[in-house]
Amino acid sequence: MKNTAYFFIAATGVILTLLYGKSLLVPFIFALLLWFLVRKIRQLLDKVSFIKKHIPARLKNLFPALIILGIISFVAKILLTNINNLAQSYPIYAGNVEMVITKINETFGINIIENFKDQLVDFDFAKILKNLFQSITELLSNTFLIIIFALFIFLEESNFGNKLKNIFIDKEKYDSLDGVLGNIEKSIANYIGIKTLVSFTTGVISYIALLFIGIDSPLFWAFLIFILNFIPTIGSMIATLFPAVFCLLQFGEFTPSLLVFFIVGSIQVVIGNVLEPKIMGNTLNISPLVAITSLLVWGTIWGVTGMLLSIPITVCIVIVCSHFENTKAVAILLSEKGKI
């Protein structure tokens, strides 16, 4: 009974910390991801003997970090421009709502759609774009904080191994901890690498399809598809639905909208259900139910950011729990087939 009470008190404390510490924790996690990417790039560079021998470690950290931040800034500026253009053009699209309602009534011979007419007319797509614009701007405003966090993480990296050795004097315990950290790094590296490749491929093919159909700002929709594909299950559905609905508003016709829905949807199905499983295999070892639950929990706590980070966080939890006898049962329950 006492242990249960302690558990609920600890869980409440963690949730409150995550909720009220979002402004600091989210930039810190993005800083960790930046450090992680730079670390992987550095390891690839070290495979070249000349670079490993003659290029200082600080430069091998600095150059990839600057390139990544430069790419993020460049992409963000393009997205902000596209979002702003869409928001300004929305009054033109809004007039097509009446036309769509009329065509639905004529096609299906029903009047039930009239009950939702006012709601459809009042649907403020520009407001959604404005909120998205503010989210990206907020992320850019945290760039300085992310860089500061990343800088201190890089400084800490050189001494972290020695600190762990001094804490865990017993070699067996140290090797166990080193194994946990190695498994976390490997699993997250596999997930991020494969998911990025799959999402990028989906985004590029979708961009070509959207450009051919003639939807406004296809680069914005392709990037949205790329980002939403990192959200398990529902991300791909939303990524298909959003451009299809917008296409209906833009053209006031069903044909372009249906083309977007079926073409982009087919791309998602083929890549998500055929290509991705073959590449990724069973590297994550997470139950589908756990993946969805994790998505909902982290989405409730941190919104879209939590959804994007839900799988890497769950992978870390499974790996850590699997290395301790007291928590191994938790890892088995969270795993896909009960094997850890």
C-alpha atoms as a PDB file:
ATOM      1  CA  MET A   1       0.000   0.000   0.000  1.00  0.00           C
ATOM      2  CA  LYS A   2       2.817   2.354   0.925  1.00  0.00           C
ATOM      3  CA  ASN A   3       4.670   1.553  -2.329  1.00  0.00           C
ATOM      4  CA  THR A   4       1.533   2.288  -4.342  1.00  0.00           C
ATOM      5  CA  ALA A   5       1.166   5.662  -2.634  1.00  0.00           C
ATOM      6  CA  TYR A   6       4.815   6.474  -3.347  1.00  0.00           C
ATOM      7  CA  PHE A   7       4.313   5.487  -6.974  1.00  0.00           C
ATOM      8  CA  PHE A   8       1.319   7.805  -7.454  1.00  0.00           C
ATOM      9  CA  ILE A   9       3.087  10.678  -5.688  1.00  0.00           C
ATOM     10  CA  ALA A  10       6.169  10.210  -7.886  1.00  0.00           C
ATOM     11  CA  ALA A  11       4.050   9.896 -11.056  1.00  0.00           C
ATOM     12  CA  THR A  12       2.122  13.062 -10.181  1.00  0.00           C
ATOM     13  CA  GLY A  13       5.382  14.906  -9.576  1.00  0.00           C
ATOM     14  CA  VAL A  14       6.803  13.771 -12.923  1.00  0.00           C
ATOM     15  CA  ILE A  15       3.665  14.769 -14.860  1.00  0.00           C
ATOM     16  CA  LEU A  16       3.527  18.207 -13.215  1.00  0.00           C
ATOM     17  CA  THR A  17       7.222  18.713 -13.972  1.00  0.00           C
ATOM     18  CA  LEU A  18       6.667  17.778 -17.620  1.00  0.00           C
ATOM     19  CA  LEU A  19       3.657  20.086 -17.909  1.00  0.00           C
ATOM     20  CA  TYR A  20       5.024  23.171 -16.173  1.00  0.00           C
ATOM     21  CA  GLY A  21       8.631  22.647 -17.276  1.00  0.00           C
ATOM     22  CA  LYS A  22       7.751  22.394 -20.978  1.00  0.00           C
ATOM     23  CA  SER A  23       9.408  25.714 -21.887  1.00  0.00           C
ATOM     24  CA  LEU A  24      12.773  24.386 -20.657  1.00  0.00           C
ATOM     25  CA  LEU A  25      12.453  20.641 -21.209  1.00  0.00           C
ATOM     26  CA  VAL A  26      11.446  20.805 -24.900  1.00  0.00           C
ATOM     27  CA  PRO A  27      14.457  22.964 -25.939  1.00  0.00           C
ATOM     28  CA  PHE A  28      16.673  20.657 -23.853  1.00  0.00           C
ATOM     29  CA  ILE A  29      15.378  17.567 -25.680  1.00  0.00           C
ATOM     30  CA  PHE A  30      15.906  19.258 -29.053  1.00  0.00           C
ATOM     31  CA  ALA A  31      19.433  20.104 -27.882  1.00  0.00           C
ATOM     32  CA  LEU A  32      19.956  16.408 -27.067  1.00  0.00           C
ATOM     33  CA  LEU A  33      18.728  15.481 -30.556  1.00  0.00           C
ATOM     34  CA  LEU A  34      21.104  18.048 -32.067  1.00  0.00           C
ATOM     35  CA  TRP A  35      23.977  16.601 -30.017  1.00  0.00           C
ATOM     36  CA  PHE A  36      22.931  13.095 -31.045  1.00  0.00           C
ATOM     37  CA  LEU A  37      22.920  13.954 -34.769  1.00  0.00           C
ATOM     38  CA  VAL A  38      26.268  15.728 -34.536  1.00  0.00           C
ATOM     39  CA  ARG A  39      27.720  12.760 -32.638  1.00  0.00           C
ATOM     40  CA  LYS A  40      26.580  10.373 -35.391  1.00  0.00           C
ATOM     41  CA  ILE A  41      27.993  12.612 -38.124  1.00  0.00           C
ATOM     42  CA  ARG A  42      31.255  12.846 -36.172  1.00  0.00           C
ATOM     43  CA  GLN A  43      31.460   9.057 -35.958  1.00  0.00           C
ATOM     44  CA  LEU A  44      30.981   8.825 -39.728  1.00  0.00           C
ATOM     45  CA  LEU A  45      33.688  11.454 -40.297  1.00  0.00           C
ATOM     46  CA  ASP A  46      36.075   9.533 -38.032  1.00  0.00           C
ATOM     47  CA  LYS A  47      35.917   6.604 -40.444  1.00  0.00           C
ATOM     48  CA  VAL A  48      38.060   8.735 -42.751  1.00  0.00           C
ATOM     49  CA  SER A  49      41.587   8.290 -41.357  1.00  0.00           C
ATOM     50  CA  PHE A  50      42.795  11.769 -42.391  1.00  0.00           C
ATOM     51  CA  ILE A  51      39.898  13.508 -40.642  1.00  0.00           C
ATOM     52  CA  LYS A  52      40.268  11.355 -37.535  1.00  0.00           C
ATOM     53  CA  LYS A  53      43.978  12.139 -37.206  1.00  0.00           C
ATOM     54  CA  HIS A  54      44.196  15.792 -38.247  1.00  0.00           C
ATOM     55  CA  ILE A  55      40.831  17.463 -37.563  1.00  0.00           C
ATOM     56  CA  PRO A  56      40.222  18.483 -33.901  1.00  0.00           C
ATOM     57  CA  ALA A  57      37.131  17.085 -32.205  1.00  0.00           C
ATOM     58  CA  ARG A  58      35.758  20.596 -31.605  1.00  0.00           C
ATOM     59  CA  LEU A  59      35.736  21.348 -35.328  1.00  0.00           C
ATOM     60  CA  LYS A  60      34.086  18.002 -36.049  1.00  0.00           C
ATOM     61  CA  ASN A  61      31.362  19.064 -33.620  1.00  0.00           C
ATOM     62  CA  LEU A  62      31.108  22.666 -34.799  1.00  0.00           C
ATOM     63  CA  PHE A  63      30.762  22.184 -38.560  1.00  0.00           C
ATOM     64  CA  PRO A  64      27.931  19.590 -38.499  1.00  0.00           C
ATOM     65  CA  ALA A  65      26.072  21.622 -35.850  1.00  0.00           C
ATOM     66  CA  LEU A  66      26.284  24.810 -37.941  1.00  0.00           C
ATOM     67  CA  ILE A  67      25.186  22.947 -41.084  1.00  0.00           C
ATOM     68  CA  ILE A  68      22.181  21.381 -39.301  1.00  0.00           C
ATOM     69  CA  LEU A  69      21.126  24.704 -37.768  1.00  0.00           C
ATOM     70  CA  GLY A  70      21.573  26.420 -41.139  1.00  0.00           C
ATOM     71  CA  ILE A  71      19.352  23.852 -42.877  1.00  0.00           C
ATOM     72  CA  ILE A  72      16.697  24.179 -40.159  1.00  0.00           C
ATOM     73  CA  SER A  73      16.721  27.991 -40.422  1.00  0.00           C
ATOM     74  CA  PHE A  74      16.528  27.873 -44.225  1.00  0.00           C
ATOM     75  CA  VAL A  75      13.634  25.398 -44.238  1.00  0.00           C
ATOM     76  CA  ALA A  76      11.822  27.364 -41.508  1.00  0.00           C
ATOM     77  CA  LYS A  77      12.012  30.606 -43.521  1.00  0.00           C
ATOM     78  CA  ILE A  78      10.616  28.885 -46.618  1.00  0.00           C
ATOM     79  CA  LEU A  79       7.798  27.361 -44.559  1.00  0.00           C
ATOM     80  CA  LEU A  80       6.921  30.661 -42.902  1.00  0.00           C
ATOM     81  CA  THR A  81       6.728  32.320 -46.325  1.00  0.00           C
ATOM     82  CA  ASN A  82       4.474  29.550 -47.671  1.00  0.00           C
ATOM     83  CA  ILE A  83       2.205  29.634 -44.620  1.00  0.00           C
ATOM     84  CA  ASN A  84       1.912  33.418 -44.841  1.00  0.00           C
ATOM     85  CA  ASN A  85       1.000  33.204 -48.548  1.00  0.00           C
ATOM     86  CA  LEU A  86      -1.651  30.567 -47.836  1.00  0.00           C
ATOM     87  CA  ALA A  87      -3.144  32.658 -45.024  1.00  0.00           C
ATOM     88  CA  GLN A  88      -3.354  35.736 -47.261  1.00  0.00           C
ATOM     89  CA  SER A  89      -4.962  33.750 -50.082  1.00  0.00           C
ATOM     90  CA  TYR A  90      -7.559  32.093 -47.836  1.00  0.00           C
ATOM     91  CA  PRO A  91     -10.364  34.661 -48.517  1.00  0.00           C
ATOM     92  CA  ILE A  92     -10.230  33.524 -52.158  1.00  0.00           C
ATOM     93  CA  TYR A  93     -10.645  29.884 -51.141  1.00  0.00           C
ATOM     94  CA  ALA A  94     -13.393  30.631 -48.606  1.00  0.00           C
ATOM     95  CA  GLY A  95     -15.812  31.493 -51.416  1.00  0.00           C
ATOM     96  CA  ASN A  96     -15.581  27.919 -52.695  1.00  0.00           C
ATOM     97  CA  VAL A  97     -17.220  26.533 -49.523  1.00  0.00           C
ATOM     98  CA  GLU A  98     -20.710  27.528 -50.744  1.00  0.00           C
ATOM     99  CA  MET A  99     -19.977  25.968 -54.116  1.00  0.00           C
ATOM    100  CA  VAL A 100     -18.879  22.697 -52.488  1.00  0.00           C
ATOM    101  CA  ILE A 101     -22.021  22.567 -50.311  1.00  0.00           C
ATOM    102  CA  THR A 102     -24.251  23.113 -53.349  1.00  0.00           C
ATOM    103  CA  LYS A 103     -22.514  20.379 -55.315  1.00  0.00           C
ATOM    104  CA  ILE A 104     -22.831  17.909 -52.437  1.00  0.00           C
ATOM    105  CA  ASN A 105     -26.571  18.614 -52.201  1.00  0.00           C
ATOM    106  CA  GLU A 106     -27.039  18.261 -55.962  1.00  0.00           C
ATOM    107  CA  THR A 107     -24.913  15.117 -56.240  1.00  0.00           C
ATOM    108  CA  PHE A 108     -26.466  13.193 -53.337  1.00  0.00           C
ATOM    109  CA  GLY A 109     -29.911  14.827 -53.379  1.00  0.00           C
ATOM    110  CA  ILE A 110     -29.870  15.532 -49.643  1.00  0.00           C
ATOM    111  CA  ASN A 111     -30.301  18.622 -47.529  1.00  0.00           C
ATOM    112  CA  ILE A 112     -28.701  17.365 -44.348  1.00  0.00           C
ATOM    113  CA  ILE A 113     -25.501  19.193 -45.273  1.00  0.00           C
ATOM    114  CA  GLU A 114     -27.393  22.479 -44.825  1.00  0.00           C
ATOM    115  CA  ASN A 115     -27.447  21.828 -41.073  1.00  0.00           C
ATOM    116  CA  PHE A 116     -23.678  22.186 -41.096  1.00  0.00           C
ATOM    117  CA  LYS A 117     -23.552  25.074 -43.541  1.00  0.00           C
ATOM    118  CA  ASP A 118     -22.938  27.783 -40.964  1.00  0.00           C
ATOM    119  CA  GLN A 119     -20.206  25.751 -39.287  1.00  0.00           C
ATOM    120  CA  LEU A 120     -18.460  25.137 -42.605  1.00  0.00           C
ATOM    121  CA  VAL A 121     -18.632  28.787 -43.576  1.00  0.00           C
ATOM    122  CA  ASP A 122     -17.272  29.799 -40.166  1.00  0.00           C
ATOM    123  CA  PHE A 123     -14.425  27.284 -40.437  1.00  0.00           C
ATOM    124  CA  ASP A 124     -11.337  29.457 -40.119  1.00  0.00           C
ATOM    125  CA  PHE A 125      -8.532  27.761 -42.006  1.00  0.00           C
ATOM    126  CA  ALA A 126      -6.501  30.953 -41.790  1.00  0.00           C
ATOM    127  CA  LYS A 127      -6.575  30.680 -37.995  1.00  0.00           C
ATOM    128  CA  ILE A 128      -5.107  27.164 -38.206  1.00  0.00           C
ATOM    129  CA  LEU A 129      -2.340  28.473 -40.446  1.00  0.00           C
ATOM    130  CA  LYS A 130      -1.746  31.339 -38.022  1.00  0.00           C
ATOM    131  CA  ASN A 131      -1.362  28.895 -35.111  1.00  0.00           C
ATOM    132  CA  LEU A 132       1.057  26.808 -37.180  1.00  0.00           C
ATOM    133  CA  PHE A 133       2.995  29.981 -38.036  1.00  0.00           C
ATOM    134  CA  GLN A 134       3.209  30.845 -34.336  1.00  0.00           C
ATOM    135  CA  SER A 135       4.395  27.310 -33.461  1.00  0.00           C
ATOM    136  CA  ILE A 136       7.263  27.476 -35.950  1.00  0.00           C
ATOM    137  CA  THR A 137       8.129  31.009 -34.819  1.00  0.00           C
ATOM    138  CA  GLU A 138       8.151  29.835 -31.192  1.00  0.00           C
ATOM    139  CA  LEU A 139      10.528  27.018 -32.098  1.00  0.00           C
ATOM    140  CA  LEU A 140      12.831  29.488 -33.871  1.00  0.00           C
ATOM    141  CA  SER A 141      12.713  31.793 -30.852  1.00  0.00           C
ATOM    142  CA  ASN A 142      13.988  28.882 -28.744  1.00  0.00           C
ATOM    143  CA  THR A 143      16.944  28.367 -31.088  1.00  0.00           C
ATOM    144  CA  PHE A 144      19.284  30.378 -28.842  1.00  0.00           C
ATOM    145  CA  LEU A 145      18.273  28.317 -25.805  1.00  0.00           C
ATOM    146  CA  ILE A 146      18.722  25.089 -27.785  1.00  0.00           C
ATOM    147  CA  ILE A 147      22.224  26.168 -28.847  1.00  0.00           C
ATOM    148  CA  ILE A 148      23.161  27.040 -25.235  1.00  0.00           C
ATOM    149  CA  PHE A 149      21.939  23.653 -23.989  1.00  0.00           C
ATOM    150  CA  ALA A 150      23.749  21.858 -26.838  1.00  0.00           C
ATOM    151  CA  LEU A 151      26.977  23.735 -26.087  1.00  0.00           C
ATOM    152  CA  PHE A 152      26.985  22.589 -22.461  1.00  0.00           C
ATOM    153  CA  ILE A 153      26.095  19.025 -23.509  1.00  0.00           C
ATOM    154  CA  PHE A 154      29.146  18.978 -25.806  1.00  0.00           C
ATOM    155  CA  LEU A 155      31.314  20.320 -22.984  1.00  0.00           C
ATOM    156  CA  GLU A 156      29.948  17.679 -20.596  1.00  0.00           C
ATOM    157  CA  GLU A 157      30.452  14.843 -23.096  1.00  0.00           C
ATOM    158  CA  SER A 158      34.239  14.742 -22.717  1.00  0.00           C
ATOM    159  CA  ASN A 159      34.051  14.176 -18.935  1.00  0.00           C
ATOM    160  CA  PHE A 160      30.842  12.161 -18.681  1.00  0.00           C
ATOM    161  CA  GLY A 161      32.500   8.762 -19.180  1.00  0.00           C
ATOM    162  CA  ASN A 162      35.032   9.408 -16.414  1.00  0.00           C
ATOM    163  CA  LYS A 163      32.261  10.514 -14.067  1.00  0.00           C
ATOM    164  CA  LEU A 164      30.346   7.276 -14.658  1.00  0.00           C
ATOM    165  CA  LYS A 165      33.479   5.208 -13.996  1.00  0.00           C
ATOM    166  CA  ASN A 166      34.014   7.027 -10.714  1.00  0.00           C
ATOM    167  CA  ILE A 167      30.376   6.537  -9.712  1.00  0.00           C
ATOM    168  CA  PHE A 168      30.234   2.856 -10.695  1.00  0.00           C
ATOM    169  CA  ILE A 169      33.530   1.545  -9.398  1.00  0.00           C
ATOM    170  CA  ASP A 170      32.293  -2.027  -9.797  1.00  0.00           C
ATOM    171  CA  LYS A 171      33.238  -2.907 -13.403  1.00  0.00           C
ATOM    172  CA  GLU A 172      30.217  -5.192 -13.825  1.00  0.00           C
ATOM    173  CA  LYS A 173      27.782  -2.414 -12.932  1.00  0.00           C
ATOM    174  CA  TYR A 174      29.599   0.040 -15.183  1.00  0.00           C
ATOM    175  CA  ASP A 175      29.531  -2.409 -18.113  1.00  0.00           C
ATOM    176  CA  SER A 176      25.808  -2.958 -17.521  1.00  0.00           C
ATOM    177  CA  LEU A 177      25.109   0.779 -17.585  1.00  0.00           C
ATOM    178  CA  ASP A 178      27.336   1.230 -20.640  1.00  0.00           C
ATOM    179  CA  GLY A 179      25.337  -1.514 -22.352  1.00  0.00           C
ATOM    180  CA  VAL A 180      22.054   0.255 -21.547  1.00  0.00           C
ATOM    181  CA  LEU A 181      23.317   3.553 -22.957  1.00  0.00           C
ATOM    182  CA  GLY A 182      24.696   1.767 -26.028  1.00  0.00           C
ATOM    183  CA  ASN A 183      21.356   0.044 -26.697  1.00  0.00           C
ATOM    184  CA  ILE A 184      19.456   3.313 -26.308  1.00  0.00           C
ATOM    185  CA  GLU A 185      21.797   5.041 -28.743  1.00  0.00           C
ATOM    186  CA  LYS A 186      21.601   2.216 -31.270  1.00  0.00           C
ATOM    187  CA  SER A 187      17.796   1.905 -31.146  1.00  0.00           C
ATOM    188  CA  ILE A 188      17.181   5.637 -31.403  1.00  0.00           C
ATOM    189  CA  ALA A 189      19.785   5.953 -34.192  1.00  0.00           C
ATOM    190  CA  ASN A 190      18.035   3.197 -36.165  1.00  0.00           C
ATOM    191  CA  TYR A 191      14.620   4.744 -35.601  1.00  0.00           C
ATOM    192  CA  ILE A 192      15.593   8.322 -36.453  1.00  0.00           C
ATOM    193  CA  GLY A 193      17.693   7.305 -39.456  1.00  0.00           C
ATOM    194  CA  ILE A 194      15.139   4.960 -41.011  1.00  0.00           C
ATOM    195  CA  LYS A 195      12.143   7.137 -40.182  1.00  0.00           C
ATOM    196  CA  THR A 196      13.849  10.211 -41.632  1.00  0.00           C
ATOM    197  CA  LEU A 197      14.681   8.339 -44.852  1.00  0.00           C
ATOM    198  CA  VAL A 198      11.155   6.933 -45.183  1.00  0.00           C
ATOM    199  CA  SER A 199       9.478  10.266 -44.361  1.00  0.00           C
ATOM    200  CA  PHE A 200      11.768  12.168 -46.745  1.00  0.00           C
ATOM    201  CA  THR A 201      10.986   9.699 -49.541  1.00  0.00           C
ATOM    202  CA  THR A 202       7.251  10.056 -48.850  1.00  0.00           C
ATOM    203  CA  GLY A 203       7.536  13.857 -48.827  1.00  0.00           C
ATOM    204  CA  VAL A 204       9.482  14.036 -52.112  1.00  0.00           C
ATOM    205  CA  ILE A 205       7.111  11.703 -54.003  1.00  0.00           C
ATOM    206  CA  SER A 206       4.094  13.529 -52.544  1.00  0.00           C
ATOM    207  CA  TYR A 207       5.611  16.883 -53.599  1.00  0.00           C
ATOM    208  CA  ILE A 208       5.866  15.680 -57.197  1.00  0.00           C
ATOM    209  CA  ALA A 209       2.257  14.466 -57.119  1.00  0.00           C
ATOM    210  CA  LEU A 210       0.952  17.691 -55.539  1.00  0.00           C
ATOM    211  CA  LEU A 211       2.925  19.812 -57.998  1.00  0.00           C
ATOM    212  CA  PHE A 212       1.388  17.855 -60.883  1.00  0.00           C
ATOM    213  CA  ILE A 213      -2.150  18.289 -59.464  1.00  0.00           C
ATOM    214  CA  GLY A 214      -1.560  22.043 -59.051  1.00  0.00           C
ATOM    215  CA  ILE A 215      -2.177  22.615 -55.335  1.00  0.00           C
ATOM    216  CA  ASP A 216      -0.860  25.916 -53.960  1.00  0.00           C
ATOM    217  CA  SER A 217       2.403  25.825 -51.951  1.00  0.00           C
ATOM    218  CA  PRO A 218       3.187  22.128 -52.617  1.00  0.00           C
ATOM    219  CA  LEU A 219       6.499  22.481 -50.745  1.00  0.00           C
ATOM    220  CA  PHE A 220       4.619  23.369 -47.556  1.00  0.00           C
ATOM    221  CA  TRP A 221       2.313  20.347 -47.850  1.00  0.00           C
ATOM    222  CA  ALA A 222       5.233  18.043 -48.682  1.00  0.00           C
ATOM    223  CA  PHE A 223       7.094  19.244 -45.589  1.00  0.00           C
ATOM    224  CA  LEU A 224       3.940  18.794 -43.498  1.00  0.00           C
ATOM    225  CA  ILE A 225       3.707  15.208 -44.799  1.00  0.00           C
ATOM    226  CA  PHE A 226       7.393  14.682 -43.938  1.00  0.00           C
ATOM    227  CA  ILE A 227       6.926  15.921 -40.341  1.00  0.00           C
ATOM    228  CA  LEU A 228       3.589  14.189 -39.676  1.00  0.00           C
ATOM    229  CA  ASN A 229       5.032  10.835 -40.781  1.00  0.00           C
ATOM    230  CA  PHE A 230       7.106  10.853 -37.588  1.00  0.00           C
ATOM    231  CA  ILE A 231       3.820  10.607 -35.636  1.00  0.00           C
ATOM    232  CA  PRO A 232       2.817   6.917 -35.476  1.00  0.00           C
ATOM    233  CA  THR A 233      -0.402   5.749 -37.188  1.00  0.00           C
ATOM    234  CA  ILE A 234      -2.501   8.938 -37.166  1.00  0.00           C
ATOM    235  CA  GLY A 235       0.262  11.109 -38.598  1.00  0.00           C
ATOM    236  CA  SER A 236       0.012   9.590 -42.072  1.00  0.00           C
ATOM    237  CA  MET A 237      -3.802   9.876 -42.024  1.00  0.00           C
ATOM    238  CA  ILE A 238      -3.671  13.568 -41.090  1.00  0.00           C
ATOM    239  CA  ALA A 239      -0.919  14.153 -43.667  1.00  0.00           C
ATOM    240  CA  THR A 240      -3.251  12.769 -46.349  1.00  0.00           C
ATOM    241  CA  LEU A 241      -6.430  14.493 -45.178  1.00  0.00           C
ATOM    242  CA  PHE A 242      -5.069  18.046 -44.761  1.00  0.00           C
ATOM    243  CA  PRO A 243      -3.929  18.663 -48.368  1.00  0.00           C
ATOM    244  CA  ALA A 244      -7.035  16.881 -49.713  1.00  0.00           C
ATOM    245  CA  VAL A 245      -9.356  19.203 -47.742  1.00  0.00           C
ATOM    246  CA  PHE A 246      -7.341  22.264 -48.746  1.00  0.00           C
ATOM    247  CA  CYS A 247      -7.463  21.166 -52.386  1.00  0.00           C
ATOM    248  CA  LEU A 248     -11.262  21.080 -52.121  1.00  0.00           C
ATOM    249  CA  LEU A 249     -11.224  24.659 -50.797  1.00  0.00           C
ATOM    250  CA  GLN A 250      -8.778  25.831 -53.461  1.00  0.00           C
ATOM    251  CA  PHE A 251     -10.491  24.414 -56.541  1.00  0.00           C
ATOM    252  CA  GLY A 252     -14.080  24.047 -55.337  1.00  0.00           C
ATOM    253  CA  GLU A 253     -14.074  20.740 -57.215  1.00  0.00           C
ATOM    254  CA  PHE A 254     -14.094  17.130 -55.973  1.00  0.00           C
ATOM    255  CA  THR A 255     -11.814  15.716 -58.666  1.00  0.00           C
ATOM    256  CA  PRO A 256      -8.528  17.407 -57.586  1.00  0.00           C
ATOM    257  CA  SER A 257      -9.325  16.715 -53.932  1.00  0.00           C
ATOM    258  CA  LEU A 258     -10.006  13.033 -54.607  1.00  0.00           C
ATOM    259  CA  LEU A 259      -6.811  12.831 -56.663  1.00  0.00           C
ATOM    260  CA  VAL A 260      -4.809  14.198 -53.736  1.00  0.00           C
ATOM    261  CA  PHE A 261      -6.551  11.877 -51.300  1.00  0.00           C
ATOM    262  CA  PHE A 262      -6.021   8.696 -53.321  1.00  0.00           C
ATOM    263  CA  ILE A 263      -2.545   9.465 -54.705  1.00  0.00           C
ATOM    264  CA  VAL A 264      -1.024  10.741 -51.456  1.00  0.00           C
ATOM    265  CA  GLY A 265      -2.912   8.047 -49.527  1.00  0.00           C
ATOM    266  CA  SER A 266      -1.543   5.348 -51.848  1.00  0.00           C
ATOM    267  CA  ILE A 267       1.990   6.692 -51.390  1.00  0.00           C
ATOM    268  CA  GLN A 268       1.521   6.534 -47.610  1.00  0.00           C
ATOM    269  CA  VAL A 269       0.145   2.977 -47.739  1.00  0.00           C
ATOM    270  CA  VAL A 270       2.849   1.588 -50.039  1.00  0.00           C
ATOM    271  CA  ILE A 271       5.779   3.213 -48.250  1.00  0.00           C
ATOM    272  CA  GLY A 272       4.348   2.869 -44.722  1.00  0.00           C
ATOM    273  CA  ASN A 273       3.113  -0.727 -45.003  1.00  0.00           C
ATOM    274  CA  VAL A 274       5.525  -2.256 -47.531  1.00  0.00           C
ATOM    275  CA  LEU A 275       8.813  -0.344 -47.659  1.00  0.00           C
ATOM    276  CA  GLU A 276       9.144   0.816 -44.041  1.00  0.00           C
ATOM    277  CA  PRO A 277       8.535  -2.587 -42.354  1.00  0.00           C
ATOM    278  CA  LYS A 278      11.099  -4.231 -44.667  1.00  0.00           C
ATOM    279  CA  ILE A 279      13.724  -1.621 -43.799  1.00  0.00           C
ATOM    280  CA  MET A 280      12.912  -1.159 -40.118  1.00  0.00           C
ATOM    281  CA  GLY A 281      12.018  -4.755 -39.285  1.00  0.00           C
ATOM    282  CA  ASN A 282      11.564  -5.326 -35.548  1.00  0.00           C
ATOM    283  CA  THR A 283      14.221  -2.882 -34.360  1.00  0.00           C
ATOM    284  CA  LEU A 284      11.891  -0.957 -32.059  1.00  0.00           C
ATOM    285  CA  ASN A 285      10.198  -3.950 -30.366  1.00  0.00           C
ATOM    286  CA  ILE A 286       7.230  -1.914 -29.098  1.00  0.00           C
ATOM    287  CA  SER A 287       3.648  -3.127 -28.885  1.00  0.00           C
ATOM    288  CA  PRO A 288       1.308  -1.256 -31.296  1.00  0.00           C
ATOM    289  CA  LEU A 289      -1.070  -0.600 -28.396  1.00  0.00           C
ATOM    290  CA  VAL A 290       1.801   0.853 -26.370  1.00  0.00           C
ATOM    291  CA  ALA A 291       2.816   3.023 -29.345  1.00  0.00           C
ATOM    292  CA  ILE A 292      -0.699   4.500 -29.639  1.00  0.00           C
ATOM    293  CA  THR A 293      -1.021   4.986 -25.878  1.00  0.00           C
ATOM    294  CA  SER A 294       2.384   6.663 -25.767  1.00  0.00           C
ATOM    295  CA  LEU A 295       1.317   8.898 -28.640  1.00  0.00           C
ATOM    296  CA  LEU A 296      -1.824  10.000 -26.788  1.00  0.00           C
ATOM    297  CA  VAL A 297      -0.064  10.512 -23.440  1.00  0.00           C
ATOM    298  CA  TRP A 298       2.854  12.556 -24.782  1.00  0.00           C
ATOM    299  CA  GLY A 299       0.539  14.399 -27.174  1.00  0.00           C
ATOM    300  CA  THR A 300      -1.601  15.447 -24.201  1.00  0.00           C
ATOM    301  CA  ILE A 301       1.450  16.609 -22.237  1.00  0.00           C
ATOM    302  CA  TRP A 302       3.512  18.332 -24.945  1.00  0.00           C
ATOM    303  CA  GLY A 303       1.209  18.563 -27.959  1.00  0.00           C
ATOM    304  CA  VAL A 304       2.674  17.891 -31.417  1.00  0.00           C
ATOM    305  CA  THR A 305       6.217  17.923 -29.997  1.00  0.00           C
ATOM    306  CA  GLY A 306       5.246  15.127 -27.604  1.00  0.00           C
ATOM    307  CA  MET A 307       3.769  13.107 -30.478  1.00  0.00           C
ATOM    308  CA  LEU A 308       6.999  13.416 -32.450  1.00  0.00           C
ATOM    309  CA  LEU A 309       9.072  12.323 -29.448  1.00  0.00           C
ATOM    310  CA  SER A 310       6.702   9.621 -28.166  1.00  0.00           C
ATOM    311  CA  ILE A 311       8.394   6.620 -29.836  1.00  0.00           C
ATOM    312  CA  PRO A 312      12.041   7.529 -28.983  1.00  0.00           C
ATOM    313  CA  ILE A 313      11.003   8.137 -25.363  1.00  0.00           C
ATOM    314  CA  THR A 314       9.154   4.803 -25.202  1.00  0.00           C
ATOM    315  CA  VAL A 315      12.146   2.987 -26.713  1.00  0.00           C
ATOM    316  CA  CYS A 316      14.363   4.442 -23.972  1.00  0.00           C
ATOM    317  CA  ILE A 317      11.905   3.337 -21.275  1.00  0.00           C
ATOM    318  CA  VAL A 318      11.745  -0.248 -22.637  1.00  0.00           C
ATOM    319  CA  ILE A 319      15.525  -0.580 -22.894  1.00  0.00           C
ATOM    320  CA  VAL A 320      16.204   0.866 -19.437  1.00  0.00           C
ATOM    321  CA  CYS A 321      13.508  -1.281 -17.796  1.00  0.00           C
ATOM    322  CA  SER A 322      14.816  -4.419 -19.508  1.00  0.00           C
ATOM    323  CA  HIS A 323      18.214  -4.114 -17.775  1.00  0.00           C
ATOM    324  CA  PHE A 324      16.911  -4.214 -14.197  1.00  0.00           C
ATOM    325  CA  GLU A 325      15.248  -7.200 -12.533  1.00  0.00           C
ATOM    326  CA  ASN A 326      12.666  -5.089 -10.692  1.00  0.00           C
ATOM    327  CA  THR A 327      11.434  -3.451 -13.907  1.00  0.00           C
ATOM    328  CA  LYS A 328      11.995  -6.246 -16.442  1.00  0.00           C
ATOM    329  CA  ALA A 329       8.283  -7.178 -16.273  1.00  0.00           C
ATOM    330  CA  VAL A 330       7.416  -3.649 -17.421  1.00  0.00           C
ATOM    331  CA  ALA A 331       9.732  -3.994 -20.426  1.00  0.00           C
ATOM    332  CA  ILE A 332       8.116  -7.342 -21.338  1.00  0.00           C
ATOM    333  CA  LEU A 333       4.625  -5.811 -21.200  1.00  0.00           C
ATOM    334  CA  LEU A 334       5.679  -2.855 -23.360  1.00  0.00           C
ATOM    335  CA  SER A 335       7.476  -5.061 -25.931  1.00  0.00           C
ATOM    336  CA  GLU A 336       5.819  -6.304 -29.108  1.00  0.00           C
ATOM    337  CA  LYS A 337       5.998 -10.096 -28.542  1.00  0.00           C
ATOM    338  CA  GLY A 338       7.137 -10.355 -24.949  1.00  0.00           C
ATOM    339  CA  LYS A 339      10.816 -10.748 -25.882  1.00  0.00           C
ATOM    340  CA  ILE A 340      13.426  -8.245 -24.746  1.00  0.00           C
END
